[in-house]
Protein backbone atom coordinates (compact mmCIF):
# COMPACT_ATOMS: atom_id res chain seq x y z
CA MET A 1 16.58 17.23 -30.40
CA LYS A 2 17.69 18.99 -27.22
CA GLN A 3 14.36 20.83 -26.98
CA MET A 4 12.45 17.59 -27.50
CA PHE A 5 14.43 15.97 -24.68
CA LYS A 6 13.66 18.94 -22.40
CA ALA A 7 9.98 18.68 -23.30
CA ILE A 8 9.97 15.00 -22.33
CA LEU A 9 11.61 15.70 -18.98
CA ARG A 10 9.47 18.73 -18.15
CA ASP A 11 5.73 19.12 -18.63
CA GLU A 12 3.93 22.42 -19.27
CA ARG A 13 3.84 23.37 -15.57
CA GLY A 14 7.60 23.00 -15.29
CA ALA A 15 7.40 20.00 -12.95
CA SER A 16 9.86 17.30 -13.82
CA ILE A 17 8.23 14.02 -14.86
CA VAL A 18 11.12 12.17 -13.21
CA GLU A 19 10.38 14.07 -9.99
CA SER A 20 6.69 13.15 -10.26
CA LEU A 21 7.57 9.48 -10.73
CA LEU A 22 9.80 9.66 -7.67
CA TYR A 23 6.96 11.10 -5.56
CA ILE A 24 4.53 8.48 -6.90
CA THR A 25 7.00 5.69 -6.04
CA VAL A 26 7.51 7.00 -2.49
CA ILE A 27 3.75 7.39 -1.89
CA ALA A 28 3.05 3.92 -3.32
CA SER A 29 5.72 2.28 -1.17
CA VAL A 30 4.47 4.04 1.99
CA ALA A 31 0.91 2.95 1.16
CA TRP A 32 2.08 -0.63 0.54
CA VAL A 33 3.94 -0.78 3.87
CA ALA A 34 0.94 0.68 5.72
CA THR A 35 -1.44 -1.78 4.05
CA THR A 36 0.83 -4.74 4.79
CA THR A 37 1.38 -3.72 8.43
CA PHE A 38 -2.22 -2.82 9.27
CA GLY A 39 -3.59 -5.65 7.14
CA GLY A 40 -1.53 -8.12 9.19
CA GLY A 41 -2.82 -6.57 12.41
CA VAL A 42 -6.43 -6.79 11.29
CA ARG A 43 -5.94 -10.39 10.19
CA THR A 44 -4.34 -11.33 13.53
CA GLY A 45 -7.16 -9.58 15.42
CA ALA A 46 -9.81 -11.38 13.38
CA ASN A 47 -8.10 -14.73 14.00
CA SER A 48 -7.95 -14.01 17.75
CA ILE A 49 -11.65 -13.12 17.85
CA GLY A 50 -12.49 -16.22 15.82
CA THR A 51 -10.46 -18.43 18.16
CA GLY A 52 -12.12 -16.84 21.21
CA VAL A 53 -15.61 -17.40 19.81
CA GLN A 54 -14.75 -20.97 18.85
CA THR A 55 -13.39 -21.68 22.36
CA ARG A 56 -16.50 -20.24 24.06
CA LEU A 57 -18.97 -22.05 21.83
CA ASN A 58 -16.82 -25.18 21.85
CA PRO A 59 -18.28 -26.71 18.70
CA THR A 60 -17.73 -30.41 18.13
CA PHE A 61 -17.19 -31.52 14.58
CA THR A 62 -18.16 -35.17 14.20
């Protein structure tokens, strides 16, 4: 039972699966924060460009 538990916690390379999950979680959270931050910036920039174009063209919706 003890050996089976050790086998679950450690793969054949000796890297802990728990450690791997921790790294994956950290990388995923960093990627999520970067996507959210830069995504918001891109969205704001696109809205600004859209507003500028709309103001210059001054379309009238009737």
